[in-house]
Amino acid sequence: VMVVFDMVARWLRADGYDLTYVRNITDIDDKIIKRAAE
């Protein structure tokens, strides 16, 4: 995922587009709560 959409972002910019690229971070969910407790 990281490499593919980095490639997409690089090409959009090389192709002349002014790109705004957002990639989120999920820092709260069931797995996180469970792992922190463990």
PDB file of all heavy atoms in Angstrom:
ATOM      1  N   VAL A   1       0.843  -1.208   0.000  1.00  0.00           N
ATOM      2  CA  VAL A   1       0.000   0.000   0.000  1.00  0.00           C
ATOM      3  C   VAL A   1       0.873   1.251   0.000  1.00  0.00           C
ATOM      4  O   VAL A   1       0.649   2.184  -0.780  1.00  0.00           O
ATOM      5  CB  VAL A   1      -0.951   0.005   1.218  1.00  0.00           C
ATOM      6  CG1 VAL A   1      -1.658   1.357   1.334  1.00  0.00           C
ATOM      7  CG2 VAL A   1      -1.978  -1.103   1.107  1.00  0.00           C
ATOM      8  N   MET A   2       1.881   1.274   0.876  1.00  0.00           N
ATOM      9  CA  MET A   2       2.726   2.460   0.983  1.00  0.00           C
ATOM     10  C   MET A   2       3.475   2.729  -0.315  1.00  0.00           C
ATOM     11  O   MET A   2       3.526   3.871  -0.801  1.00  0.00           O
ATOM     12  CB  MET A   2       3.705   2.309   2.146  1.00  0.00           C
ATOM     13  CG  MET A   2       3.053   2.404   3.512  1.00  0.00           C
ATOM     14  SD  MET A   2       4.230   2.575   4.882  1.00  0.00           S
ATOM     15  CE  MET A   2       4.889   0.920   4.993  1.00  0.00           C
ATOM     16  N   VAL A   3       4.074   1.679  -0.903  1.00  0.00           N
ATOM     17  CA  VAL A   3       4.867   1.857  -2.122  1.00  0.00           C
ATOM     18  C   VAL A   3       3.971   2.214  -3.302  1.00  0.00           C
ATOM     19  O   VAL A   3       4.279   3.111  -4.094  1.00  0.00           O
ATOM     20  CB  VAL A   3       5.701   0.595  -2.421  1.00  0.00           C
ATOM     21  CG1 VAL A   3       6.332   0.676  -3.815  1.00  0.00           C
ATOM     22  CG2 VAL A   3       6.793   0.414  -1.370  1.00  0.00           C
ATOM     23  N   VAL A   4       2.843   1.503  -3.433  1.00  0.00           N
ATOM     24  CA  VAL A   4       1.955   1.751  -4.583  1.00  0.00           C
ATOM     25  C   VAL A   4       1.455   3.189  -4.590  1.00  0.00           C
ATOM     26  O   VAL A   4       1.524   3.887  -5.622  1.00  0.00           O
ATOM     27  CB  VAL A   4       0.770   0.762  -4.567  1.00  0.00           C
ATOM     28  CG1 VAL A   4      -0.377   1.268  -5.452  1.00  0.00           C
ATOM     29  CG2 VAL A   4       1.222  -0.604  -5.035  1.00  0.00           C
ATOM     30  N   PHE A   5       0.956   3.669  -3.453  1.00  0.00           N
ATOM     31  CA  PHE A   5       0.379   5.012  -3.485  1.00  0.00           C
ATOM     32  C   PHE A   5       1.444   6.106  -3.398  1.00  0.00           C
ATOM     33  O   PHE A   5       1.190   7.248  -3.794  1.00  0.00           O
ATOM     34  CB  PHE A   5      -0.719   5.137  -2.434  1.00  0.00           C
ATOM     35  CG  PHE A   5      -1.947   4.373  -2.849  1.00  0.00           C
ATOM     36  CD1 PHE A   5      -2.204   3.103  -2.337  1.00  0.00           C
ATOM     37  CD2 PHE A   5      -2.801   4.888  -3.804  1.00  0.00           C
ATOM     38  CE1 PHE A   5      -3.315   2.382  -2.762  1.00  0.00           C
ATOM     39  CE2 PHE A   5      -3.906   4.177  -4.237  1.00  0.00           C
ATOM     40  CZ  PHE A   5      -4.167   2.916  -3.712  1.00  0.00           C
ATOM     41  N   ASP A   6       2.640   5.762  -2.954  1.00  0.00           N
ATOM     42  CA  ASP A   6       3.767   6.669  -3.118  1.00  0.00           C
ATOM     43  C   ASP A   6       4.086   6.814  -4.599  1.00  0.00           C
ATOM     44  O   ASP A   6       4.354   7.918  -5.089  1.00  0.00           O
ATOM     45  CB  ASP A   6       4.989   6.139  -2.359  1.00  0.00           C
ATOM     46  CG  ASP A   6       6.216   7.019  -2.535  1.00  0.00           C
ATOM     47  OD1 ASP A   6       6.212   8.157  -2.014  1.00  0.00           O
ATOM     48  OD2 ASP A   6       7.184   6.577  -3.201  1.00  0.00           O
ATOM     49  N   MET A   7       4.058   5.702  -5.325  1.00  0.00           N
ATOM     50  CA  MET A   7       4.269   5.740  -6.776  1.00  0.00           C
ATOM     51  C   MET A   7       3.191   6.577  -7.457  1.00  0.00           C
ATOM     52  O   MET A   7       3.487   7.413  -8.331  1.00  0.00           O
ATOM     53  CB  MET A   7       4.276   4.312  -7.325  1.00  0.00           C
ATOM     54  CG  MET A   7       4.287   4.194  -8.851  1.00  0.00           C
ATOM     55  SD  MET A   7       2.619   4.217  -9.598  1.00  0.00           S
ATOM     56  CE  MET A   7       1.917   2.690  -9.001  1.00  0.00           C
ATOM     57  N   VAL A   8       1.931   6.380  -7.057  1.00  0.00           N
ATOM     58  CA  VAL A   8       0.834   7.158  -7.646  1.00  0.00           C
ATOM     59  C   VAL A   8       1.039   8.647  -7.372  1.00  0.00           C
ATOM     60  O   VAL A   8       0.896   9.485  -8.275  1.00  0.00           O
ATOM     61  CB  VAL A   8      -0.522   6.673  -7.089  1.00  0.00           C
ATOM     62  CG1 VAL A   8      -1.644   7.628  -7.491  1.00  0.00           C
ATOM     63  CG2 VAL A   8      -0.829   5.261  -7.581  1.00  0.00           C
ATOM     64  N   ALA A   9       1.394   8.977  -6.139  1.00  0.00           N
ATOM     65  CA  ALA A   9       1.616  10.385  -5.786  1.00  0.00           C
ATOM     66  C   ALA A   9       2.769  10.970  -6.592  1.00  0.00           C
ATOM     67  O   ALA A   9       2.677  12.103  -7.102  1.00  0.00           O
ATOM     68  CB  ALA A   9       1.895  10.509  -4.287  1.00  0.00           C
ATOM     69  N   ARG A  10       3.867  10.228  -6.709  1.00  0.00           N
ATOM     70  CA  ARG A  10       5.014  10.718  -7.481  1.00  0.00           C
ATOM     71  C   ARG A  10       4.632  10.962  -8.935  1.00  0.00           C
ATOM     72  O   ARG A  10       5.042  11.961  -9.534  1.00  0.00           O
ATOM     73  CB  ARG A  10       6.165   9.705  -7.410  1.00  0.00           C
ATOM     74  CG  ARG A  10       6.907   9.649  -6.067  1.00  0.00           C
ATOM     75  CD  ARG A  10       7.862   8.461  -6.060  1.00  0.00           C
ATOM     76  NE  ARG A  10       8.586   8.301  -4.815  1.00  0.00           N
ATOM     77  CZ  ARG A  10       9.808   8.756  -4.577  1.00  0.00           C
ATOM     78  NH1 ARG A  10      10.442   9.421  -5.525  1.00  0.00           N
ATOM     79  NH2 ARG A  10      10.409   8.543  -3.426  1.00  0.00           N
ATOM     80  N   TRP A  11       3.847  10.029  -9.505  1.00  0.00           N
ATOM     81  CA  TRP A  11       3.508  10.203 -10.924  1.00  0.00           C
ATOM     82  C   TRP A  11       2.526  11.349 -11.120  1.00  0.00           C
ATOM     83  O   TRP A  11       2.643  12.109 -12.091  1.00  0.00           O
ATOM     84  CB  TRP A  11       2.952   8.930 -11.542  1.00  0.00           C
ATOM     85  CG  TRP A  11       2.679   9.159 -13.001  1.00  0.00           C
ATOM     86  CD1 TRP A  11       1.481   9.183 -13.632  1.00  0.00           C
ATOM     87  CD2 TRP A  11       3.658   9.503 -14.005  1.00  0.00           C
ATOM     88  NE1 TRP A  11       1.632   9.505 -14.961  1.00  0.00           N
ATOM     89  CE2 TRP A  11       2.965   9.703 -15.215  1.00  0.00           C
ATOM     90  CE3 TRP A  11       5.037   9.649 -13.984  1.00  0.00           C
ATOM     91  CZ2 TRP A  11       3.613  10.035 -16.396  1.00  0.00           C
ATOM     92  CZ3 TRP A  11       5.695   9.988 -15.163  1.00  0.00           C
ATOM     93  CH2 TRP A  11       4.990  10.182 -16.360  1.00  0.00           C
ATOM     94  N   LEU A  12       1.551  11.500 -10.239  1.00  0.00           N
ATOM     95  CA  LEU A  12       0.634  12.629 -10.385  1.00  0.00           C
ATOM     96  C   LEU A  12       1.410  13.947 -10.390  1.00  0.00           C
ATOM     97  O   LEU A  12       1.118  14.851 -11.194  1.00  0.00           O
ATOM     98  CB  LEU A  12      -0.393  12.624  -9.252  1.00  0.00           C
ATOM     99  CG  LEU A  12      -1.478  11.548  -9.341  1.00  0.00           C
ATOM    100  CD1 LEU A  12      -2.269  11.472  -8.046  1.00  0.00           C
ATOM    101  CD2 LEU A  12      -2.420  11.822 -10.516  1.00  0.00           C
ATOM    102  N   ARG A  13       2.393  14.058  -9.519  1.00  0.00           N
ATOM    103  CA  ARG A  13       3.204  15.284  -9.482  1.00  0.00           C
ATOM    104  C   ARG A  13       4.083  15.406 -10.723  1.00  0.00           C
ATOM    105  O   ARG A  13       4.199  16.494 -11.298  1.00  0.00           O
ATOM    106  CB  ARG A  13       4.030  15.311  -8.198  1.00  0.00           C
ATOM    107  CG  ARG A  13       3.162  15.572  -6.961  1.00  0.00           C
ATOM    108  CD  ARG A  13       3.895  15.435  -5.657  1.00  0.00           C
ATOM    109  NE  ARG A  13       3.045  15.841  -4.535  1.00  0.00           N
ATOM    110  CZ  ARG A  13       2.941  15.196  -3.378  1.00  0.00           C
ATOM    111  NH1 ARG A  13       3.685  14.117  -3.149  1.00  0.00           N
ATOM    112  NH2 ARG A  13       2.136  15.636  -2.434  1.00  0.00           N
ATOM    113  N   ALA A  14       4.689  14.299 -11.158  1.00  0.00           N
ATOM    114  CA  ALA A  14       5.512  14.339 -12.366  1.00  0.00           C
ATOM    115  C   ALA A  14       4.663  14.668 -13.592  1.00  0.00           C
ATOM    116  O   ALA A  14       5.144  15.278 -14.557  1.00  0.00           O
ATOM    117  CB  ALA A  14       6.227  13.001 -12.567  1.00  0.00           C
ATOM    118  N   ASP A  15       3.386  14.273 -13.551  1.00  0.00           N
ATOM    119  CA  ASP A  15       2.473  14.514 -14.665  1.00  0.00           C
ATOM    120  C   ASP A  15       1.906  15.931 -14.633  1.00  0.00           C
ATOM    121  O   ASP A  15       1.068  16.278 -15.467  1.00  0.00           O
ATOM    122  CB  ASP A  15       1.331  13.499 -14.603  1.00  0.00           C
ATOM    123  CG  ASP A  15       0.986  12.911 -15.973  1.00  0.00           C
ATOM    124  OD1 ASP A  15       1.771  13.105 -16.911  1.00  0.00           O
ATOM    125  OD2 ASP A  15      -0.070  12.270 -16.088  1.00  0.00           O
ATOM    126  N   GLY A  16       2.332  16.722 -13.640  1.00  0.00           N
ATOM    127  CA  GLY A  16       1.970  18.131 -13.626  1.00  0.00           C
ATOM    128  C   GLY A  16       0.853  18.515 -12.690  1.00  0.00           C
ATOM    129  O   GLY A  16       0.441  19.683 -12.670  1.00  0.00           O
ATOM    130  N   TYR A  17       0.355  17.573 -11.896  1.00  0.00           N
ATOM    131  CA  TYR A  17      -0.743  17.907 -10.990  1.00  0.00           C
ATOM    132  C   TYR A  17      -0.207  18.434  -9.651  1.00  0.00           C
ATOM    133  O   TYR A  17       0.786  17.937  -9.128  1.00  0.00           O
ATOM    134  CB  TYR A  17      -1.615  16.679 -10.724  1.00  0.00           C
ATOM    135  CG  TYR A  17      -2.368  16.228 -11.945  1.00  0.00           C
ATOM    136  CD1 TYR A  17      -1.880  15.185 -12.738  1.00  0.00           C
ATOM    137  CD2 TYR A  17      -3.553  16.849 -12.325  1.00  0.00           C
ATOM    138  CE1 TYR A  17      -2.552  14.776 -13.874  1.00  0.00           C
ATOM    139  CE2 TYR A  17      -4.235  16.444 -13.463  1.00  0.00           C
ATOM    140  CZ  TYR A  17      -3.731  15.410 -14.237  1.00  0.00           C
ATOM    141  OH  TYR A  17      -4.395  15.015 -15.369  1.00  0.00           O
ATOM    142  N   ASP A  18      -0.894  19.426  -9.123  1.00  0.00           N
ATOM    143  CA  ASP A  18      -0.637  19.928  -7.783  1.00  0.00           C
ATOM    144  C   ASP A  18      -1.418  19.022  -6.835  1.00  0.00           C
ATOM    145  O   ASP A  18      -2.628  19.163  -6.678  1.00  0.00           O
ATOM    146  CB  ASP A  18      -1.102  21.381  -7.678  1.00  0.00           C
ATOM    147  CG  ASP A  18      -0.913  21.957  -6.283  1.00  0.00           C
ATOM    148  OD1 ASP A  18      -0.252  21.313  -5.446  1.00  0.00           O
ATOM    149  OD2 ASP A  18      -1.450  23.053  -6.027  1.00  0.00           O
ATOM    150  N   LEU A  19      -0.725  18.076  -6.208  1.00  0.00           N
ATOM    151  CA  LEU A  19      -1.381  17.020  -5.447  1.00  0.00           C
ATOM    152  C   LEU A  19      -1.397  17.325  -3.958  1.00  0.00           C
ATOM    153  O   LEU A  19      -0.390  17.753  -3.392  1.00  0.00           O
ATOM    154  CB  LEU A  19      -0.644  15.688  -5.663  1.00  0.00           C
ATOM    155  CG  LEU A  19      -1.087  14.511  -4.774  1.00  0.00           C
ATOM    156  CD1 LEU A  19      -2.492  14.057  -5.148  1.00  0.00           C
ATOM    157  CD2 LEU A  19      -0.096  13.357  -4.874  1.00  0.00           C
ATOM    158  N   THR A  20      -2.540  17.072  -3.331  1.00  0.00           N
ATOM    159  CA  THR A  20      -2.636  17.013  -1.874  1.00  0.00           C
ATOM    160  C   THR A  20      -2.912  15.563  -1.508  1.00  0.00           C
ATOM    161  O   THR A  20      -3.939  14.997  -1.916  1.00  0.00           O
ATOM    162  CB  THR A  20      -3.758  17.903  -1.337  1.00  0.00           C
ATOM    163  OG1 THR A  20      -3.538  19.251  -1.761  1.00  0.00           O
ATOM    164  CG2 THR A  20      -3.802  17.856   0.181  1.00  0.00           C
ATOM    165  N   TYR A  21      -1.984  14.958  -0.762  1.00  0.00           N
ATOM    166  CA  TYR A  21      -2.043  13.529  -0.449  1.00  0.00           C
ATOM    167  C   TYR A  21      -2.225  13.355   1.056  1.00  0.00           C
ATOM    168  O   TYR A  21      -1.416  13.816   1.849  1.00  0.00           O
ATOM    169  CB  TYR A  21      -0.751  12.859  -0.932  1.00  0.00           C
ATOM    170  CG  TYR A  21      -0.598  11.393  -0.590  1.00  0.00           C
ATOM    171  CD1 TYR A  21      -1.672  10.576  -0.270  1.00  0.00           C
ATOM    172  CD2 TYR A  21       0.672  10.812  -0.617  1.00  0.00           C
ATOM    173  CE1 TYR A  21      -1.504   9.247   0.024  1.00  0.00           C
ATOM    174  CE2 TYR A  21       0.856   9.466  -0.320  1.00  0.00           C
ATOM    175  CZ  TYR A  21      -0.240   8.690  -0.001  1.00  0.00           C
ATOM    176  OH  TYR A  21      -0.070   7.364   0.295  1.00  0.00           O
ATOM    177  N   VAL A  22      -3.307  12.667   1.431  1.00  0.00           N
ATOM    178  CA  VAL A  22      -3.627  12.397   2.838  1.00  0.00           C
ATOM    179  C   VAL A  22      -3.630  10.887   3.062  1.00  0.00           C
ATOM    180  O   VAL A  22      -4.252  10.145   2.291  1.00  0.00           O
ATOM    181  CB  VAL A  22      -5.009  12.967   3.214  1.00  0.00           C
ATOM    182  CG1 VAL A  22      -5.337  12.659   4.674  1.00  0.00           C
ATOM    183  CG2 VAL A  22      -5.072  14.465   2.943  1.00  0.00           C
ATOM    184  N   ARG A  23      -2.918  10.439   4.095  1.00  0.00           N
ATOM    185  CA  ARG A  23      -2.994   9.024   4.511  1.00  0.00           C
ATOM    186  C   ARG A  23      -3.173   8.994   6.025  1.00  0.00           C
ATOM    187  O   ARG A  23      -2.348   9.526   6.764  1.00  0.00           O
ATOM    188  CB  ARG A  23      -1.716   8.267   4.119  1.00  0.00           C
ATOM    189  CG  ARG A  23      -1.843   6.745   4.325  1.00  0.00           C
ATOM    190  CD  ARG A  23      -0.536   6.030   4.038  1.00  0.00           C
ATOM    191  NE  ARG A  23       0.465   6.351   5.058  1.00  0.00           N
ATOM    192  CZ  ARG A  23       1.774   6.349   4.839  1.00  0.00           C
ATOM    193  NH1 ARG A  23       2.250   6.093   3.635  1.00  0.00           N
ATOM    194  NH2 ARG A  23       2.600   6.643   5.825  1.00  0.00           N
ATOM    195  N   ASN A  24      -4.249   8.393   6.473  1.00  0.00           N
ATOM    196  CA  ASN A  24      -4.611   8.470   7.891  1.00  0.00           C
ATOM    197  C   ASN A  24      -3.870   7.454   8.750  1.00  0.00           C
ATOM    198  O   ASN A  24      -3.261   6.497   8.258  1.00  0.00           O
ATOM    199  CB  ASN A  24      -6.111   8.274   8.059  1.00  0.00           C
ATOM    200  CG  ASN A  24      -6.503   6.817   7.929  1.00  0.00           C
ATOM    201  OD1 ASN A  24      -6.345   6.224   6.864  1.00  0.00           O
ATOM    202  ND2 ASN A  24      -7.004   6.245   9.002  1.00  0.00           N
ATOM    203  N   ILE A  25      -3.956   7.645  10.048  1.00  0.00           N
ATOM    204  CA  ILE A  25      -3.454   6.700  11.040  1.00  0.00           C
ATOM    205  C   ILE A  25      -4.596   6.373  11.994  1.00  0.00           C
ATOM    206  O   ILE A  25      -5.186   7.279  12.598  1.00  0.00           O
ATOM    207  CB  ILE A  25      -2.272   7.297  11.834  1.00  0.00           C
ATOM    208  CG1 ILE A  25      -1.068   7.535  10.912  1.00  0.00           C
ATOM    209  CG2 ILE A  25      -1.876   6.378  12.988  1.00  0.00           C
ATOM    210  CD1 ILE A  25       0.066   8.305  11.568  1.00  0.00           C
ATOM    211  N   THR A  26      -4.927   5.097  12.097  1.00  0.00           N
ATOM    212  CA  THR A  26      -5.931   4.660  13.061  1.00  0.00           C
ATOM    213  C   THR A  26      -5.224   4.390  14.380  1.00  0.00           C
ATOM    214  O   THR A  26      -4.455   3.432  14.492  1.00  0.00           O
ATOM    215  CB  THR A  26      -6.651   3.386  12.570  1.00  0.00           C
ATOM    216  OG1 THR A  26      -7.332   3.671  11.350  1.00  0.00           O
ATOM    217  CG2 THR A  26      -7.657   2.897  13.605  1.00  0.00           C
ATOM    218  N   ASP A  27      -5.473   5.246  15.371  1.00  0.00           N
ATOM    219  CA  ASP A  27      -4.773   5.108  16.650  1.00  0.00           C
ATOM    220  C   ASP A  27      -5.733   4.828  17.805  1.00  0.00           C
ATOM    221  O   ASP A  27      -5.378   5.004  18.972  1.00  0.00           O
ATOM    222  CB  ASP A  27      -3.909   6.334  16.944  1.00  0.00           C
ATOM    223  CG  ASP A  27      -4.698   7.626  17.036  1.00  0.00           C
ATOM    224  OD1 ASP A  27      -5.878   7.643  16.630  1.00  0.00           O
ATOM    225  OD2 ASP A  27      -4.134   8.627  17.517  1.00  0.00           O
ATOM    226  N   ILE A  28      -6.949   4.381  17.474  1.00  0.00           N
ATOM    227  CA  ILE A  28      -7.871   3.888  18.503  1.00  0.00           C
ATOM    228  C   ILE A  28      -8.800   2.872  17.847  1.00  0.00           C
ATOM    229  O   ILE A  28      -9.455   3.155  16.845  1.00  0.00           O
ATOM    230  CB  ILE A  28      -8.693   5.034  19.169  1.00  0.00           C
ATOM    231  CG1 ILE A  28      -9.543   4.498  20.305  1.00  0.00           C
ATOM    232  CG2 ILE A  28      -9.508   5.787  18.140  1.00  0.00           C
ATOM    233  CD1 ILE A  28      -8.768   3.964  21.478  1.00  0.00           C
ATOM    234  N   ASP A  29      -8.800   1.644  18.349  1.00  0.00           N
ATOM    235  CA  ASP A  29      -9.765   0.634  17.933  1.00  0.00           C
ATOM    236  C   ASP A  29      -9.627  -0.570  18.863  1.00  0.00           C
ATOM    237  O   ASP A  29      -8.810  -0.572  19.788  1.00  0.00           O
ATOM    238  CB  ASP A  29      -9.606   0.256  16.452  1.00  0.00           C
ATOM    239  CG  ASP A  29      -8.614  -0.861  16.193  1.00  0.00           C
ATOM    240  OD1 ASP A  29      -7.653  -1.010  16.981  1.00  0.00           O
ATOM    241  OD2 ASP A  29      -8.806  -1.595  15.217  1.00  0.00           O
ATOM    242  N   ASP A  30     -10.427  -1.600  18.648  1.00  0.00           N
ATOM    243  CA  ASP A  30     -10.456  -2.751  19.551  1.00  0.00           C
ATOM    244  C   ASP A  30      -9.090  -3.423  19.669  1.00  0.00           C
ATOM    245  O   ASP A  30      -8.664  -3.805  20.766  1.00  0.00           O
ATOM    246  CB  ASP A  30     -11.484  -3.780  19.065  1.00  0.00           C
ATOM    247  CG  ASP A  30     -12.919  -3.270  19.157  1.00  0.00           C
ATOM    248  OD1 ASP A  30     -13.142  -2.294  19.896  1.00  0.00           O
ATOM    249  OD2 ASP A  30     -13.799  -3.841  18.490  1.00  0.00           O
ATOM    250  N   LYS A  31      -8.397  -3.596  18.530  1.00  0.00           N
ATOM    251  CA  LYS A  31      -7.102  -4.291  18.558  1.00  0.00           C
ATOM    252  C   LYS A  31      -6.064  -3.499  19.348  1.00  0.00           C
ATOM    253  O   LYS A  31      -5.240  -4.072  20.058  1.00  0.00           O
ATOM    254  CB  LYS A  31      -6.613  -4.526  17.127  1.00  0.00           C
ATOM    255  CG  LYS A  31      -7.448  -5.518  16.346  1.00  0.00           C
ATOM    256  CD  LYS A  31      -6.944  -5.661  14.919  1.00  0.00           C
ATOM    257  CE  LYS A  31      -7.789  -6.643  14.127  1.00  0.00           C
ATOM    258  NZ  LYS A  31      -7.331  -6.748  12.717  1.00  0.00           N
ATOM    259  N   ILE A  32      -6.099  -2.196  19.199  1.00  0.00           N
ATOM    260  CA  ILE A  32      -5.161  -1.345  19.933  1.00  0.00           C
ATOM    261  C   ILE A  32      -5.412  -1.438  21.431  1.00  0.00           C
ATOM    262  O   ILE A  32      -4.483  -1.592  22.233  1.00  0.00           O
ATOM    263  CB  ILE A  32      -5.270   0.111  19.439  1.00  0.00           C
ATOM    264  CG1 ILE A  32      -4.722   0.231  18.007  1.00  0.00           C
ATOM    265  CG2 ILE A  32      -4.523   1.065  20.378  1.00  0.00           C
ATOM    266  CD1 ILE A  32      -4.968   1.576  17.363  1.00  0.00           C
ATOM    267  N   ILE A  33      -6.686  -1.336  21.818  1.00  0.00           N
ATOM    268  CA  ILE A  33      -7.034  -1.414  23.237  1.00  0.00           C
ATOM    269  C   ILE A  33      -6.612  -2.762  23.814  1.00  0.00           C
ATOM    270  O   ILE A  33      -6.032  -2.841  24.902  1.00  0.00           O
ATOM    271  CB  ILE A  33      -8.544  -1.184  23.419  1.00  0.00           C
ATOM    272  CG1 ILE A  33      -8.911   0.258  23.030  1.00  0.00           C
ATOM    273  CG2 ILE A  33      -8.972  -1.472  24.850  1.00  0.00           C
ATOM    274  CD1 ILE A  33     -10.400   0.510  22.920  1.00  0.00           C
ATOM    275  N   LYS A  34      -6.873  -3.842  23.080  1.00  0.00           N
ATOM    276  CA  LYS A  34      -6.528  -5.189  23.540  1.00  0.00           C
ATOM    277  C   LYS A  34      -5.017  -5.353  23.682  1.00  0.00           C
ATOM    278  O   LYS A  34      -4.526  -5.874  24.689  1.00  0.00           O
ATOM    279  CB  LYS A  34      -7.086  -6.216  22.558  1.00  0.00           C
ATOM    280  CG  LYS A  34      -6.843  -7.679  22.947  1.00  0.00           C
ATOM    281  CD  LYS A  34      -7.581  -8.597  21.986  1.00  0.00           C
ATOM    282  CE  LYS A  34      -7.415 -10.065  22.377  1.00  0.00           C
ATOM    283  NZ  LYS A  34      -6.061 -10.550  22.133  1.00  0.00           N
ATOM    284  N   ARG A  35      -4.259  -4.899  22.688  1.00  0.00           N
ATOM    285  CA  ARG A  35      -2.801  -5.056  22.718  1.00  0.00           C
ATOM    286  C   ARG A  35      -2.186  -4.243  23.864  1.00  0.00           C
ATOM    287  O   ARG A  35      -1.266  -4.707  24.548  1.00  0.00           O
ATOM    288  CB  ARG A  35      -2.190  -4.640  21.377  1.00  0.00           C
ATOM    289  CG  ARG A  35      -0.668  -4.830  21.284  1.00  0.00           C
ATOM    290  CD  ARG A  35      -0.243  -6.280  21.428  1.00  0.00           C
ATOM    291  NE  ARG A  35      -0.885  -7.151  20.472  1.00  0.00           N
ATOM    292  CZ  ARG A  35      -0.451  -7.337  19.217  1.00  0.00           C
ATOM    293  NH1 ARG A  35       0.644  -6.697  18.806  1.00  0.00           N
ATOM    294  NH2 ARG A  35      -1.078  -8.166  18.408  1.00  0.00           N
ATOM    295  N   ALA A  36      -2.666  -3.023  24.061  1.00  0.00           N
ATOM    296  CA  ALA A  36      -2.139  -2.194  25.154  1.00  0.00           C
ATOM    297  C   ALA A  36      -2.395  -2.856  26.501  1.00  0.00           C
ATOM    298  O   ALA A  36      -1.527  -2.859  27.385  1.00  0.00           O
ATOM    299  CB  ALA A  36      -2.771  -0.806  25.110  1.00  0.00           C
ATOM    300  N   ALA A  37      -3.585  -3.452  26.661  1.00  0.00           N
ATOM    301  CA  ALA A  37      -3.898  -4.139  27.913  1.00  0.00           C
ATOM    302  C   ALA A  37      -2.998  -5.346  28.110  1.00  0.00           C
ATOM    303  O   ALA A  37      -2.507  -5.610  29.215  1.00  0.00           O
ATOM    304  CB  ALA A  37      -5.368  -4.552  27.919  1.00  0.00           C
ATOM    305  N   GLU A  38      -2.762  -6.087  27.029  1.00  0.00           N
ATOM    306  CA  GLU A  38      -1.885  -7.262  27.113  1.00  0.00           C
ATOM    307  C   GLU A  38      -0.460  -6.871  27.490  1.00  0.00           C
ATOM    308  O   GLU A  38       0.214  -7.579  28.249  1.00  0.00           O
ATOM    309  CB  GLU A  38      -1.872  -8.002  25.775  1.00  0.00           C
ATOM    310  CG  GLU A  38      -3.167  -8.691  25.422  1.00  0.00           C
ATOM    311  CD  GLU A  38      -3.204  -9.222  24.006  1.00  0.00           C
ATOM    312  OE1 GLU A  38      -2.303  -8.852  23.197  1.00  0.00           O
ATOM    313  OE2 GLU A  38      -4.125  -9.993  23.686  1.00  0.00           O
TER     314      GLU A  38
END
